[in-house]
Amino acid sequence: MPRSTLVKLLRTVMALGGLAAALTGLQGCAISTPIPRLASDGPGDQQVLLVLTTGVLHQDRRAEFDRQTRLVANSLRTQQGLMGHAIRREVFGPRVWTLTVWQDDQALNEFTRGQAHRQAVAASMPALLDMRSRRIQMAVVSVPQSWDAALALMADESLSKAYWQ
């Protein structure tokens, strides 16, 4: 093999190695819609219901999950009692998150019993490896203002409750 061809081959291998390293470094990189800034008509201690979810997806089944997420997100505009929502996903990874803020349990229950949510859950089940959620009653002024704060709440095991609580 001519020396010039060998040099080109080595440069290509090095470039591909660098690209692979860069993509590996993006494994935790995520994109999201903004966290809602909530305006309260009442006092700052007005209680709201924060719902956080996190999921891990089969990468080869992600397209249907993403489609269903868009359909549900579009339906949120008409949900009575919804105060705000945000969606987050890893760019090159399998993890997804949602954040919704509701006036009360009744508003959340009406949404989860609604057609858009029920259809999305049924159609998305084959894509899910894991899904967890956390419901937290809190003052409106305590609702997280960043994804870092929301993810910290999701990771806080002291907030975990049994399903009957």
Protein backbone atom coordinates (compact mmCIF):
# COMPACT_ATOMS: atom_id res chain seq x y z
CA MET A 1 0.00 0.00 0.00
CA PRO A 2 1.44 3.40 -0.93
CA ARG A 3 2.46 5.59 1.97
CA SER A 4 0.04 8.40 0.94
CA THR A 5 -2.89 5.97 1.02
CA LEU A 6 -1.85 4.73 4.45
CA VAL A 7 -1.63 8.31 5.75
CA LYS A 8 -5.12 9.08 4.39
CA LEU A 9 -6.49 5.93 5.96
CA LEU A 10 -4.95 6.78 9.35
CA ARG A 11 -6.35 10.33 9.18
CA THR A 12 -9.80 8.94 8.40
CA VAL A 13 -9.63 6.48 11.31
CA MET A 14 -8.51 9.25 13.66
CA ALA A 15 -11.30 11.54 12.47
CA LEU A 16 -13.90 8.80 12.95
CA GLY A 17 -12.50 8.09 16.41
CA GLY A 18 -12.84 11.76 17.30
CA LEU A 19 -16.39 11.85 15.98
CA ALA A 20 -17.30 8.76 18.00
CA ALA A 21 -15.80 10.32 21.13
CA ALA A 22 -17.75 13.53 20.55
CA LEU A 23 -21.02 11.65 20.08
CA THR A 24 -20.37 9.58 23.19
CA GLY A 25 -19.90 12.82 25.11
CA LEU A 26 -23.38 13.90 23.96
CA GLN A 27 -25.02 10.82 25.51
CA GLY A 28 -26.53 12.91 28.32
CA CYS A 29 -27.35 15.92 26.13
CA ALA A 30 -31.05 16.82 26.25
CA ILE A 31 -33.40 19.28 24.61
CA SER A 32 -36.64 20.56 26.08
CA THR A 33 -39.48 22.98 25.97
CA PRO A 34 -39.15 25.70 28.62
CA ILE A 35 -40.40 25.19 32.17
CA PRO A 36 -43.59 27.26 32.55
CA ARG A 37 -43.45 30.47 34.55
CA LEU A 38 -46.65 30.34 36.55
CA ALA A 39 -48.70 33.35 37.44
CA SER A 40 -50.94 32.82 40.41
CA ASP A 41 -54.19 34.73 40.79
CA GLY A 42 -54.08 33.95 44.49
CA PRO A 43 -51.43 34.05 47.17
CA GLY A 44 -48.00 32.51 46.53
CA ASP A 45 -48.82 29.67 48.87
CA GLN A 46 -51.68 28.52 46.60
CA GLN A 47 -51.37 24.73 46.37
CA VAL A 48 -50.93 23.08 42.95
CA LEU A 49 -50.16 19.56 41.81
CA LEU A 50 -46.80 19.01 40.10
CA VAL A 51 -46.51 15.81 38.06
CA LEU A 52 -43.09 14.67 36.85
CA THR A 53 -42.52 11.62 34.68
CA THR A 54 -39.38 9.99 33.39
CA GLY A 55 -39.11 7.14 30.95
CA VAL A 56 -36.58 4.98 29.15
CA LEU A 57 -37.44 3.94 25.60
CA HIS A 58 -36.54 1.23 23.14
CA GLN A 59 -34.57 3.27 20.61
CA ASP A 60 -36.02 1.34 17.65
CA ARG A 61 -39.60 2.05 18.80
CA ARG A 62 -39.14 5.70 19.69
CA ALA A 63 -40.89 7.18 16.64
CA GLU A 64 -44.38 6.13 17.76
CA PHE A 65 -43.74 7.32 21.30
CA ASP A 66 -42.60 10.72 19.98
CA ARG A 67 -45.68 10.93 17.73
CA GLN A 68 -47.99 10.17 20.63
CA THR A 69 -46.20 12.73 22.81
CA ARG A 70 -46.82 15.41 20.18
CA LEU A 71 -50.53 14.48 20.01
CA VAL A 72 -50.90 14.69 23.79
CA ALA A 73 -48.95 17.96 23.95
CA ASN A 74 -51.27 19.44 21.32
CA SER A 75 -54.31 18.31 23.34
CA LEU A 76 -53.05 20.05 26.48
CA ARG A 77 -54.19 23.46 25.22
CA THR A 78 -57.79 22.45 25.90
CA GLN A 79 -57.29 20.84 29.32
CA GLN A 80 -59.21 22.51 32.10
CA GLY A 81 -57.07 22.99 35.18
CA LEU A 82 -53.69 22.69 33.44
CA MET A 83 -51.42 25.52 34.55
CA GLY A 84 -48.32 24.63 32.53
CA HIS A 85 -46.27 21.85 30.97
CA ALA A 86 -42.82 21.07 29.59
CA ILE A 87 -41.26 18.12 27.75
CA ARG A 88 -37.61 17.01 27.68
CA ARG A 89 -35.70 14.25 25.85
CA GLU A 90 -32.15 13.09 25.39
CA VAL A 91 -30.85 13.91 21.93
CA PHE A 92 -28.81 10.71 21.52
CA GLY A 93 -30.17 8.66 24.40
CA PRO A 94 -33.31 6.80 25.40
CA ARG A 95 -34.56 8.98 28.27
CA VAL A 96 -37.61 11.29 28.22
CA TRP A 97 -39.30 13.50 30.84
CA THR A 98 -42.51 15.47 31.27
CA LEU A 99 -43.54 18.13 33.75
CA THR A 100 -47.14 19.25 34.20
CA VAL A 101 -48.71 21.56 36.77
CA TRP A 102 -52.40 21.17 37.60
CA GLN A 103 -54.80 23.19 39.71
CA ASP A 104 -55.86 20.03 41.54
CA ASP A 105 -56.22 16.23 41.47
CA GLN A 106 -59.57 16.44 39.71
CA ALA A 107 -58.08 18.28 36.72
CA LEU A 108 -55.27 15.73 36.44
CA ASN A 109 -57.69 12.81 36.73
CA GLU A 110 -59.92 14.22 33.97
CA PHE A 111 -56.88 14.51 31.71
CA THR A 112 -55.60 10.98 32.39
CA ARG A 113 -59.08 9.55 31.75
CA GLY A 114 -59.39 11.53 28.52
CA GLN A 115 -59.18 9.98 25.08
CA ALA A 116 -55.90 11.61 24.00
CA HIS A 117 -53.99 10.40 27.05
CA ARG A 118 -55.51 6.90 27.09
CA GLN A 119 -54.77 6.37 23.38
CA ALA A 120 -51.22 7.66 23.76
CA VAL A 121 -50.50 5.34 26.69
CA ALA A 122 -51.85 2.32 24.79
CA ALA A 123 -49.91 3.13 21.61
CA SER A 124 -46.69 3.96 23.50
CA MET A 125 -46.49 0.89 25.75
CA PRO A 126 -44.38 -1.19 23.30
CA ALA A 127 -41.73 1.58 23.29
CA LEU A 128 -41.34 1.75 27.07
CA LEU A 129 -38.59 -0.02 28.96
CA ASP A 130 -39.34 1.93 32.14
CA MET A 131 -41.69 4.74 33.19
CA ARG A 132 -41.89 6.46 36.57
CA SER A 133 -43.95 9.34 37.80
CA ARG A 134 -44.08 11.55 40.84
CA ARG A 135 -47.02 13.65 42.02
CA ILE A 136 -46.14 16.43 44.44
CA GLN A 137 -48.55 18.85 46.10
CA MET A 138 -46.73 22.17 46.57
CA ALA A 139 -47.10 25.92 46.73
CA VAL A 140 -47.19 27.54 43.30
CA VAL A 141 -44.10 29.60 44.21
CA SER A 142 -42.20 26.33 44.83
CA VAL A 143 -42.76 24.89 41.35
CA PRO A 144 -39.31 24.28 39.80
CA GLN A 145 -38.10 27.02 37.50
CA SER A 146 -35.47 24.88 35.74
CA TRP A 147 -35.05 21.33 34.53
CA ASP A 148 -32.18 20.86 36.99
CA ALA A 149 -34.56 21.64 39.87
CA ALA A 150 -37.30 19.41 38.41
CA LEU A 151 -34.89 16.50 37.95
CA ALA A 152 -33.68 16.91 41.53
CA LEU A 153 -37.27 16.54 42.72
CA MET A 154 -37.68 13.45 40.58
CA ALA A 155 -34.54 11.93 42.14
CA ASP A 156 -35.51 12.83 45.72
CA GLU A 157 -36.47 9.47 47.24
CA SER A 158 -37.94 11.16 50.31
CA LEU A 159 -40.82 12.27 48.05
CA SER A 160 -41.65 8.69 47.02
CA LYS A 161 -44.99 7.36 48.16
CA ALA A 162 -46.71 4.04 47.92
CA TYR A 163 -49.43 3.98 45.28
CA TRP A 164 -52.20 4.17 47.90
CA GLN A 165 -50.86 7.36 49.53
